């Protein structure tokens, strides 16, 4: 697959929409639209070995509040770990003594080039929040047991949160200090 051309269709605050003209291995040309996004950092904040500091916030895409992990868009040239630390403090009012990269994912690669960097935060200390103008966020500490119940009941709808919690629950015994 080879990219032949890119045409910008829309430039918004946090993303662009482009039409990409491609050529496949047989020489056939076709166009696809893609949402171009600078990427995001997401954080699973552990208050202790059994409690995740979730947040509840209203999301325009869902048109309702969602229970999720803190996350935010990377600023231009920003290191994902620095973004994760910034978003954790802005959204929860906590700073991380330890911040570890868990995994990286593409949430919807069929239409979106966004790359999400997922981190685990430990040794949290209180700080203060700094919400963006469009954010209404509440902290919701939850035990892993309660999170499993919420996941099984399909009450957590946010994809990055489902992926991050699932990953952490599978690999938790191998993550050193988080062993219970």
N, C-alpha and C. Protein backbone atom coordinates (compact mmCIF):
# COMPACT_ATOMS: atom_id res chain seq x y z
N UNK A 1 0.86 -1.17 0.00
CA UNK A 1 0.00 0.00 0.00
C UNK A 1 0.90 1.23 0.00
N UNK A 2 0.56 2.19 -0.85
CA UNK A 2 1.36 3.40 -0.99
C UNK A 2 0.46 4.63 -0.96
N UNK A 3 0.86 5.64 -0.19
CA UNK A 3 0.10 6.90 -0.14
C UNK A 3 0.54 7.77 -1.30
N UNK A 4 -0.44 8.21 -2.10
CA UNK A 4 -0.16 9.07 -3.25
C UNK A 4 -0.42 10.54 -2.96
N UNK A 5 -1.46 10.81 -2.17
CA UNK A 5 -1.86 12.20 -1.96
C UNK A 5 -2.63 12.32 -0.64
N UNK A 6 -2.56 13.53 -0.07
CA UNK A 6 -3.34 13.86 1.13
C UNK A 6 -3.98 15.22 0.91
N UNK A 7 -5.30 15.27 1.09
CA UNK A 7 -6.04 16.52 0.97
C UNK A 7 -6.74 16.80 2.30
N UNK A 8 -6.45 17.96 2.89
CA UNK A 8 -7.08 18.31 4.16
C UNK A 8 -8.50 18.82 3.90
N UNK A 9 -9.48 18.19 4.54
CA UNK A 9 -10.88 18.55 4.36
C UNK A 9 -11.39 19.45 5.47
N UNK A 10 -10.84 19.28 6.68
CA UNK A 10 -11.32 20.03 7.85
C UNK A 10 -10.20 20.14 8.87
N UNK A 11 -10.08 21.30 9.47
CA UNK A 11 -9.15 21.49 10.59
C UNK A 11 -9.96 21.98 11.77
N UNK A 12 -10.00 21.19 12.83
CA UNK A 12 -10.72 21.54 14.06
C UNK A 12 -9.70 21.77 15.18
N UNK A 13 -10.20 22.04 16.37
CA UNK A 13 -9.31 22.35 17.50
C UNK A 13 -8.33 21.22 17.81
N UNK A 14 -8.81 19.99 17.90
CA UNK A 14 -7.94 18.88 18.30
C UNK A 14 -7.73 17.81 17.23
N UNK A 15 -8.23 18.03 16.04
CA UNK A 15 -8.05 17.02 15.00
C UNK A 15 -8.24 17.64 13.62
N UNK A 16 -7.86 16.86 12.59
CA UNK A 16 -8.08 17.22 11.20
C UNK A 16 -8.78 16.04 10.52
N UNK A 17 -9.47 16.32 9.44
CA UNK A 17 -10.02 15.27 8.59
C UNK A 17 -9.34 15.41 7.24
N UNK A 18 -8.81 14.29 6.74
CA UNK A 18 -8.10 14.32 5.47
C UNK A 18 -8.61 13.20 4.57
N UNK A 19 -8.50 13.44 3.26
CA UNK A 19 -8.78 12.39 2.27
C UNK A 19 -7.41 11.93 1.76
N UNK A 20 -7.15 10.65 1.93
CA UNK A 20 -5.88 10.06 1.54
C UNK A 20 -6.11 9.22 0.28
N UNK A 21 -5.33 9.50 -0.76
CA UNK A 21 -5.38 8.69 -1.97
C UNK A 21 -4.26 7.65 -1.87
N UNK A 22 -4.66 6.39 -2.06
CA UNK A 22 -3.74 5.26 -1.90
C UNK A 22 -3.64 4.47 -3.20
N UNK A 23 -2.59 3.69 -3.30
CA UNK A 23 -2.44 2.75 -4.41
C UNK A 23 -2.07 1.40 -3.82
N UNK A 24 -2.84 0.37 -4.19
CA UNK A 24 -2.54 -0.96 -3.65
C UNK A 24 -1.45 -1.64 -4.49
N UNK A 25 -1.08 -2.85 -4.11
CA UNK A 25 0.02 -3.57 -4.77
C UNK A 25 -0.27 -3.90 -6.23
N UNK A 26 -1.56 -3.94 -6.60
CA UNK A 26 -1.93 -4.21 -7.99
C UNK A 26 -2.00 -2.93 -8.82
N UNK A 27 -1.74 -1.78 -8.22
CA UNK A 27 -1.75 -0.51 -8.93
C UNK A 27 -3.08 0.22 -8.91
N UNK A 28 -4.09 -0.34 -8.25
CA UNK A 28 -5.39 0.30 -8.19
C UNK A 28 -5.36 1.46 -7.18
N UNK A 29 -5.92 2.60 -7.59
CA UNK A 29 -5.98 3.78 -6.73
C UNK A 29 -7.36 3.92 -6.11
N UNK A 30 -7.39 4.38 -4.87
CA UNK A 30 -8.65 4.63 -4.18
C UNK A 30 -8.40 5.65 -3.08
N UNK A 31 -9.50 6.25 -2.59
CA UNK A 31 -9.39 7.28 -1.55
C UNK A 31 -10.12 6.84 -0.29
N UNK A 32 -9.57 7.24 0.84
CA UNK A 32 -10.19 6.99 2.15
C UNK A 32 -10.06 8.26 2.98
N UNK A 33 -11.08 8.51 3.80
CA UNK A 33 -11.03 9.64 4.72
C UNK A 33 -10.51 9.14 6.07
N UNK A 34 -9.73 9.98 6.73
CA UNK A 34 -9.17 9.63 8.03
C UNK A 34 -9.21 10.85 8.94
N UNK A 35 -9.49 10.60 10.20
CA UNK A 35 -9.40 11.64 11.23
C UNK A 35 -7.97 11.59 11.76
N UNK A 36 -7.27 12.72 11.65
CA UNK A 36 -5.89 12.80 12.12
C UNK A 36 -5.88 13.47 13.49
N UNK A 37 -5.29 12.79 14.45
CA UNK A 37 -5.31 13.24 15.84
C UNK A 37 -3.88 13.20 16.39
N UNK A 38 -3.49 14.16 17.24
CA UNK A 38 -2.11 14.19 17.75
C UNK A 38 -1.76 13.08 18.74
N UNK A 39 -2.74 12.31 19.18
CA UNK A 39 -2.48 11.24 20.14
C UNK A 39 -2.95 11.62 21.52
N UNK A 40 -2.97 10.63 22.41
CA UNK A 40 -3.46 10.87 23.76
C UNK A 40 -2.68 10.03 24.76
N UNK A 41 -2.65 10.51 25.99
CA UNK A 41 -2.09 9.75 27.10
C UNK A 41 -3.22 9.45 28.08
N UNK A 42 -3.24 8.23 28.58
CA UNK A 42 -4.29 7.75 29.47
C UNK A 42 -3.62 7.15 30.70
N UNK A 43 -4.27 7.28 31.85
CA UNK A 43 -3.64 6.87 33.10
C UNK A 43 -4.58 6.02 33.95
N UNK A 44 -4.09 4.88 34.43
CA UNK A 44 -4.79 4.09 35.43
C UNK A 44 -4.16 4.46 36.78
N UNK A 45 -4.80 5.34 37.56
CA UNK A 45 -4.23 5.76 38.83
C UNK A 45 -4.60 4.80 39.96
N UNK A 46 -3.59 4.22 40.59
CA UNK A 46 -3.82 3.29 41.69
C UNK A 46 -3.65 4.02 43.02
N UNK A 47 -4.75 4.13 43.76
CA UNK A 47 -4.68 4.73 45.10
C UNK A 47 -3.98 3.79 46.07
N UNK A 48 -4.17 2.49 45.86
CA UNK A 48 -3.47 1.44 46.60
C UNK A 48 -3.51 0.20 45.71
N UNK A 49 -3.10 -0.95 46.23
CA UNK A 49 -3.04 -2.16 45.41
C UNK A 49 -4.39 -2.66 44.93
N UNK A 50 -5.47 -2.16 45.50
CA UNK A 50 -6.79 -2.66 45.12
C UNK A 50 -7.77 -1.57 44.71
N UNK A 51 -7.33 -0.32 44.60
CA UNK A 51 -8.26 0.77 44.31
C UNK A 51 -7.76 1.63 43.16
N UNK A 52 -8.61 1.76 42.13
CA UNK A 52 -8.32 2.61 40.98
C UNK A 52 -9.11 3.90 41.14
N UNK A 53 -8.45 5.02 40.91
CA UNK A 53 -9.13 6.31 40.95
C UNK A 53 -9.72 6.59 39.56
N UNK A 54 -10.97 6.22 39.38
CA UNK A 54 -11.68 6.47 38.13
C UNK A 54 -12.21 7.90 38.14
N UNK A 55 -12.59 8.39 36.97
CA UNK A 55 -13.25 9.69 36.88
C UNK A 55 -14.56 9.52 36.13
N UNK A 56 -15.51 10.36 36.46
CA UNK A 56 -16.76 10.40 35.72
C UNK A 56 -16.83 11.77 35.07
N UNK A 57 -17.02 11.77 33.75
CA UNK A 57 -17.13 13.04 33.06
C UNK A 57 -18.06 12.94 31.86
N UNK A 58 -18.68 14.06 31.55
CA UNK A 58 -19.60 14.14 30.42
C UNK A 58 -18.80 14.13 29.13
N UNK A 59 -19.20 13.29 28.18
CA UNK A 59 -18.49 13.16 26.90
C UNK A 59 -19.43 13.47 25.75
N UNK A 60 -18.99 14.36 24.87
CA UNK A 60 -19.82 14.79 23.74
C UNK A 60 -20.16 13.61 22.82
N UNK A 61 -19.21 12.72 22.57
CA UNK A 61 -19.48 11.60 21.66
C UNK A 61 -20.54 10.65 22.17
N UNK A 62 -20.59 10.45 23.48
CA UNK A 62 -21.58 9.56 24.09
C UNK A 62 -22.86 10.32 24.45
N UNK A 63 -22.75 11.65 24.51
CA UNK A 63 -23.88 12.52 24.91
C UNK A 63 -24.36 12.22 26.33
N UNK A 64 -23.41 11.77 27.18
CA UNK A 64 -23.74 11.48 28.57
C UNK A 64 -22.44 11.33 29.37
N UNK A 65 -22.54 11.27 30.70
CA UNK A 65 -21.35 11.04 31.51
C UNK A 65 -20.87 9.60 31.38
N UNK A 66 -19.55 9.42 31.37
CA UNK A 66 -18.96 8.09 31.32
C UNK A 66 -17.99 7.91 32.48
N UNK A 67 -17.89 6.68 32.95
CA UNK A 67 -16.91 6.30 33.95
C UNK A 67 -15.67 5.85 33.19
N UNK A 68 -14.53 6.48 33.48
CA UNK A 68 -13.34 6.19 32.69
C UNK A 68 -12.08 6.50 33.47
N UNK A 69 -10.94 6.19 32.85
CA UNK A 69 -9.66 6.58 33.42
C UNK A 69 -9.32 7.98 32.91
N UNK A 70 -8.52 8.75 33.65
CA UNK A 70 -8.12 10.08 33.17
C UNK A 70 -7.34 9.97 31.86
N UNK A 71 -7.54 10.94 30.98
CA UNK A 71 -6.85 10.94 29.69
C UNK A 71 -6.90 12.33 29.08
N UNK A 72 -6.00 12.56 28.14
CA UNK A 72 -6.03 13.83 27.45
C UNK A 72 -5.17 13.83 26.20
N UNK A 73 -5.41 14.81 25.36
CA UNK A 73 -4.71 14.96 24.09
C UNK A 73 -3.29 15.47 24.30
N UNK A 74 -2.36 14.89 23.54
CA UNK A 74 -0.98 15.36 23.57
C UNK A 74 -0.88 16.75 22.95
N UNK A 75 -0.16 17.64 23.61
CA UNK A 75 0.16 18.92 23.00
C UNK A 75 1.24 18.67 21.95
N UNK A 76 1.39 19.57 20.99
CA UNK A 76 2.38 19.40 19.92
C UNK A 76 3.77 19.19 20.51
N UNK A 77 4.40 18.07 20.14
CA UNK A 77 5.75 17.75 20.59
C UNK A 77 5.84 17.24 22.02
N UNK A 78 4.71 17.07 22.69
CA UNK A 78 4.72 16.66 24.10
C UNK A 78 5.03 15.18 24.24
N UNK A 79 5.85 14.85 25.21
CA UNK A 79 6.15 13.47 25.56
C UNK A 79 4.90 12.83 26.18
N UNK A 80 4.52 11.62 25.75
CA UNK A 80 3.31 10.99 26.30
C UNK A 80 3.32 10.84 27.82
N UNK A 81 4.47 10.54 28.42
CA UNK A 81 4.52 10.39 29.87
C UNK A 81 4.28 11.74 30.56
N UNK A 82 4.82 12.81 30.00
CA UNK A 82 4.58 14.15 30.57
C UNK A 82 3.10 14.51 30.46
N UNK A 83 2.48 14.15 29.34
CA UNK A 83 1.05 14.39 29.16
C UNK A 83 0.24 13.59 30.18
N UNK A 84 0.62 12.34 30.40
CA UNK A 84 -0.09 11.50 31.38
C UNK A 84 -0.01 12.12 32.77
N UNK A 85 1.17 12.59 33.15
CA UNK A 85 1.33 13.22 34.47
C UNK A 85 0.48 14.48 34.57
N UNK A 86 0.48 15.28 33.51
CA UNK A 86 -0.30 16.52 33.48
C UNK A 86 -1.79 16.23 33.58
N UNK A 87 -2.29 15.30 32.78
CA UNK A 87 -3.71 14.98 32.78
C UNK A 87 -4.16 14.38 34.11
N UNK A 88 -3.32 13.54 34.71
CA UNK A 88 -3.66 12.96 36.01
C UNK A 88 -3.90 14.08 37.02
N UNK A 89 -2.98 15.03 37.08
CA UNK A 89 -3.12 16.11 38.05
C UNK A 89 -4.29 17.03 37.72
N UNK A 90 -4.43 17.39 36.44
CA UNK A 90 -5.52 18.29 36.04
C UNK A 90 -6.89 17.69 36.34
N UNK A 91 -7.06 16.40 36.05
CA UNK A 91 -8.39 15.80 36.14
C UNK A 91 -8.72 15.22 37.51
N UNK A 92 -7.70 14.78 38.27
CA UNK A 92 -7.99 14.13 39.56
C UNK A 92 -7.51 14.91 40.77
N UNK A 93 -6.55 15.82 40.57
CA UNK A 93 -5.96 16.51 41.71
C UNK A 93 -4.92 15.67 42.43
N UNK A 94 -4.33 14.69 41.73
CA UNK A 94 -3.27 13.86 42.30
C UNK A 94 -2.04 13.89 41.40
N UNK A 95 -0.87 13.75 42.03
CA UNK A 95 0.40 13.58 41.31
C UNK A 95 0.88 12.15 41.53
N UNK A 96 1.57 11.63 40.53
CA UNK A 96 2.09 10.26 40.62
C UNK A 96 3.55 10.27 41.04
N UNK A 97 3.89 9.46 42.07
CA UNK A 97 5.29 9.25 42.42
C UNK A 97 5.96 8.34 41.42
N UNK A 98 5.18 7.40 40.86
CA UNK A 98 5.67 6.48 39.83
C UNK A 98 4.67 6.45 38.69
N UNK A 99 5.17 6.55 37.48
CA UNK A 99 4.34 6.49 36.28
C UNK A 99 5.01 5.52 35.32
N UNK A 100 4.30 4.45 34.96
CA UNK A 100 4.87 3.41 34.12
C UNK A 100 4.02 3.19 32.87
N UNK A 101 4.68 3.10 31.72
CA UNK A 101 3.98 2.80 30.47
C UNK A 101 3.53 1.34 30.50
N UNK A 102 2.25 1.09 30.22
CA UNK A 102 1.73 -0.29 30.17
C UNK A 102 1.66 -0.78 28.72
N UNK A 103 1.02 -0.01 27.83
CA UNK A 103 0.90 -0.41 26.43
C UNK A 103 0.45 0.78 25.60
N UNK A 104 0.50 0.61 24.29
CA UNK A 104 0.07 1.63 23.33
C UNK A 104 -0.94 0.98 22.40
N UNK A 105 -1.96 1.75 22.01
CA UNK A 105 -3.00 1.17 21.15
C UNK A 105 -3.54 2.21 20.16
N UNK A 106 -4.13 1.72 19.08
CA UNK A 106 -4.90 2.53 18.14
C UNK A 106 -6.37 2.23 18.43
N UNK A 107 -7.16 3.19 18.95
CA UNK A 107 -8.53 2.89 19.35
C UNK A 107 -9.49 2.57 18.21
N UNK A 108 -9.27 3.12 17.03
CA UNK A 108 -10.18 2.86 15.91
C UNK A 108 -9.44 3.09 14.59
N UNK A 109 -8.49 2.20 14.24
CA UNK A 109 -7.59 2.45 13.11
C UNK A 109 -8.23 2.44 11.73
N UNK A 110 -9.48 2.05 11.63
CA UNK A 110 -10.17 2.10 10.34
C UNK A 110 -10.51 3.51 9.89
N UNK A 111 -10.64 4.45 10.85
CA UNK A 111 -11.00 5.82 10.49
C UNK A 111 -10.17 6.88 11.21
N UNK A 112 -9.30 6.46 12.13
CA UNK A 112 -8.63 7.39 13.03
C UNK A 112 -7.17 6.99 13.19
N UNK A 113 -6.24 7.97 13.09
CA UNK A 113 -4.83 7.64 13.27
C UNK A 113 -4.33 7.88 14.70
N UNK A 114 -5.23 8.20 15.62
CA UNK A 114 -4.85 8.47 17.01
C UNK A 114 -4.14 7.27 17.63
N UNK A 115 -3.04 7.56 18.32
CA UNK A 115 -2.32 6.56 19.10
C UNK A 115 -2.49 6.92 20.57
N UNK A 116 -2.92 5.94 21.37
CA UNK A 116 -3.11 6.15 22.81
C UNK A 116 -2.01 5.44 23.58
N UNK A 117 -1.38 6.17 24.47
CA UNK A 117 -0.34 5.65 25.34
C UNK A 117 -0.95 5.45 26.72
N UNK A 118 -0.97 4.22 27.21
CA UNK A 118 -1.64 3.89 28.46
C UNK A 118 -0.59 3.70 29.56
N UNK A 119 -0.77 4.42 30.66
CA UNK A 119 0.17 4.39 31.78
C UNK A 119 -0.53 3.93 33.06
N UNK A 120 0.28 3.44 33.99
CA UNK A 120 -0.19 3.13 35.34
C UNK A 120 0.51 4.12 36.28
N UNK A 121 -0.27 4.74 37.17
CA UNK A 121 0.28 5.69 38.13
C UNK A 121 0.16 5.12 39.54
N UNK A 122 1.26 5.20 40.29
CA UNK A 122 1.27 4.73 41.68
C UNK A 122 1.88 5.80 42.57
N UNK A 123 1.81 5.55 43.86
CA UNK A 123 2.34 6.49 44.87
C UNK A 123 1.74 7.88 44.66
N UNK A 124 0.42 7.94 44.66
CA UNK A 124 -0.29 9.20 44.41
C UNK A 124 -0.26 10.10 45.64
N UNK A 125 -0.06 11.39 45.39
CA UNK A 125 -0.13 12.39 46.45
C UNK A 125 -1.09 13.49 46.02
N UNK A 126 -1.87 14.02 46.97
CA UNK A 126 -2.84 15.06 46.62
C UNK A 126 -2.17 16.32 46.07
N UNK A 127 -2.82 16.91 45.10
CA UNK A 127 -2.40 18.17 44.49
C UNK A 127 -3.67 18.99 44.31
N UNK A 128 -3.84 19.60 43.14
CA UNK A 128 -5.11 20.27 42.87
C UNK A 128 -5.48 20.13 41.41
N UNK A 129 -6.78 20.12 41.16
CA UNK A 129 -7.28 19.96 39.79
C UNK A 129 -7.13 21.26 39.02
N UNK A 130 -7.18 21.13 37.70
CA UNK A 130 -7.14 22.28 36.80
C UNK A 130 -7.94 21.90 35.55
N UNK A 131 -9.27 21.90 35.68
CA UNK A 131 -10.13 21.45 34.59
C UNK A 131 -10.08 22.40 33.40
N UNK A 132 -10.20 21.83 32.20
CA UNK A 132 -10.42 22.63 31.01
C UNK A 132 -11.83 23.20 31.08
N UNK A 133 -12.11 24.22 30.28
CA UNK A 133 -13.41 24.91 30.33
C UNK A 133 -14.59 24.00 30.07
N UNK A 134 -14.38 22.94 29.30
CA UNK A 134 -15.48 22.05 28.94
C UNK A 134 -15.54 20.79 29.80
N UNK A 135 -14.77 20.74 30.88
CA UNK A 135 -14.72 19.53 31.70
C UNK A 135 -15.50 19.69 33.00
N UNK A 136 -16.33 18.71 33.28
CA UNK A 136 -16.99 18.54 34.57
C UNK A 136 -16.64 17.13 35.01
N UNK A 137 -15.71 17.02 35.95
CA UNK A 137 -15.15 15.72 36.30
C UNK A 137 -15.29 15.47 37.80
N UNK A 138 -15.67 14.24 38.13
CA UNK A 138 -15.75 13.81 39.53
C UNK A 138 -14.89 12.58 39.73
N UNK A 139 -14.14 12.53 40.81
CA UNK A 139 -13.35 11.34 41.15
C UNK A 139 -14.28 10.24 41.66
N UNK A 140 -14.00 9.00 41.23
CA UNK A 140 -14.78 7.84 41.64
C UNK A 140 -13.82 6.69 41.98
N UNK A 141 -13.27 6.66 43.20
CA UNK A 141 -12.41 5.53 43.58
C UNK A 141 -13.20 4.23 43.55
N UNK A 142 -12.61 3.18 42.96
CA UNK A 142 -13.30 1.89 42.86
C UNK A 142 -12.32 0.75 43.07
N UNK A 143 -12.78 -0.27 43.79
CA UNK A 143 -11.96 -1.47 43.99
C UNK A 143 -11.95 -2.28 42.69
N UNK A 144 -10.94 -3.15 42.55
CA UNK A 144 -10.90 -4.03 41.39
C UNK A 144 -12.13 -4.93 41.35
N UNK A 145 -12.60 -5.36 42.50
CA UNK A 145 -13.81 -6.19 42.55
C UNK A 145 -14.99 -5.43 41.95
N UNK A 146 -15.19 -4.18 42.39
CA UNK A 146 -16.30 -3.38 41.85
C UNK A 146 -16.12 -3.09 40.36
N UNK A 147 -14.88 -2.88 39.93
CA UNK A 147 -14.63 -2.65 38.51
C UNK A 147 -14.97 -3.89 37.69
N UNK A 148 -14.61 -5.07 38.18
CA UNK A 148 -14.97 -6.31 37.48
C UNK A 148 -16.48 -6.43 37.34
N UNK A 149 -17.20 -6.12 38.41
CA UNK A 149 -18.67 -6.17 38.38
C UNK A 149 -19.21 -5.18 37.35
N UNK A 150 -18.69 -3.97 37.34
CA UNK A 150 -19.14 -2.95 36.38
C UNK A 150 -18.82 -3.34 34.94
N UNK A 151 -17.63 -3.91 34.73
CA UNK A 151 -17.26 -4.36 33.38
C UNK A 151 -18.18 -5.49 32.92
N UNK A 152 -18.41 -6.47 33.79
CA UNK A 152 -19.26 -7.61 33.43
C UNK A 152 -20.69 -7.17 33.13
N UNK A 153 -21.17 -6.16 33.86
CA UNK A 153 -22.54 -5.65 33.65
C UNK A 153 -22.62 -4.68 32.47
N UNK A 154 -21.51 -4.48 31.77
CA UNK A 154 -21.45 -3.57 30.62
C UNK A 154 -21.78 -2.12 31.02
N UNK A 155 -21.40 -1.73 32.22
CA UNK A 155 -21.65 -0.36 32.69
C UNK A 155 -20.50 0.59 32.39
N UNK A 156 -19.35 0.05 31.99
CA UNK A 156 -18.23 0.89 31.57
C UNK A 156 -18.20 0.82 30.05
N UNK A 157 -18.42 1.97 29.40
CA UNK A 157 -18.59 2.01 27.95
C UNK A 157 -17.38 2.56 27.20
N UNK A 158 -16.45 3.17 27.91
CA UNK A 158 -15.31 3.83 27.28
C UNK A 158 -14.25 2.79 26.88
N UNK A 159 -13.90 2.77 25.59
CA UNK A 159 -13.00 1.75 25.06
C UNK A 159 -11.62 1.73 25.68
N UNK A 160 -11.00 2.91 25.83
CA UNK A 160 -9.65 2.95 26.40
C UNK A 160 -9.65 2.43 27.83
N UNK A 161 -10.73 2.71 28.55
CA UNK A 161 -10.85 2.27 29.94
C UNK A 161 -11.02 0.76 30.01
N UNK A 162 -11.84 0.21 29.15
CA UNK A 162 -12.03 -1.25 29.11
C UNK A 162 -10.71 -1.93 28.79
N UNK A 163 -9.99 -1.41 27.79
CA UNK A 163 -8.70 -1.99 27.41
C UNK A 163 -7.69 -1.90 28.55
N UNK A 164 -7.58 -0.73 29.17
CA UNK A 164 -6.59 -0.53 30.23
C UNK A 164 -6.89 -1.38 31.46
N UNK A 165 -8.16 -1.41 31.88
CA UNK A 165 -8.52 -2.21 33.05
C UNK A 165 -8.35 -3.70 32.77
N UNK A 166 -8.75 -4.13 31.58
CA UNK A 166 -8.57 -5.54 31.21
C UNK A 166 -7.11 -5.93 31.22
N UNK A 167 -6.27 -5.09 30.65
CA UNK A 167 -4.83 -5.33 30.63
C UNK A 167 -4.30 -5.44 32.06
N UNK A 168 -4.66 -4.46 32.88
CA UNK A 168 -4.16 -4.44 34.25
C UNK A 168 -4.64 -5.66 35.04
N UNK A 169 -5.89 -6.06 34.84
CA UNK A 169 -6.42 -7.22 35.56
C UNK A 169 -5.73 -8.52 35.13
N UNK A 170 -5.38 -8.62 33.85
CA UNK A 170 -4.69 -9.81 33.37
C UNK A 170 -3.26 -9.85 33.88
N UNK A 171 -2.57 -8.72 33.80
CA UNK A 171 -1.14 -8.70 34.11
C UNK A 171 -0.82 -8.22 35.53
N UNK A 172 -1.82 -7.89 36.32
CA UNK A 172 -1.59 -7.37 37.68
C UNK A 172 -0.64 -8.25 38.50
N UNK A 173 -0.76 -9.57 38.48
CA UNK A 173 0.17 -10.39 39.28
C UNK A 173 1.63 -10.24 38.86
N UNK A 174 1.89 -9.73 37.67
CA UNK A 174 3.26 -9.61 37.16
C UNK A 174 3.82 -8.20 37.27
N UNK A 175 3.07 -7.29 37.88
CA UNK A 175 3.48 -5.88 37.91
C UNK A 175 4.09 -5.47 39.24
N UNK A 176 4.78 -6.38 39.89
CA UNK A 176 5.54 -6.04 41.09
C UNK A 176 4.69 -5.55 42.23
N UNK A 177 4.80 -4.26 42.55
CA UNK A 177 4.19 -3.68 43.74
C UNK A 177 2.66 -3.75 43.73
N UNK A 178 2.04 -3.99 42.57
CA UNK A 178 0.58 -4.05 42.54
C UNK A 178 0.06 -5.43 42.92
N UNK A 179 0.95 -6.34 43.23
CA UNK A 179 0.52 -7.70 43.58
C UNK A 179 -0.30 -7.68 44.86
N UNK A 180 -1.46 -8.35 44.83
CA UNK A 180 -2.31 -8.42 46.03
C UNK A 180 -2.34 -9.82 46.58
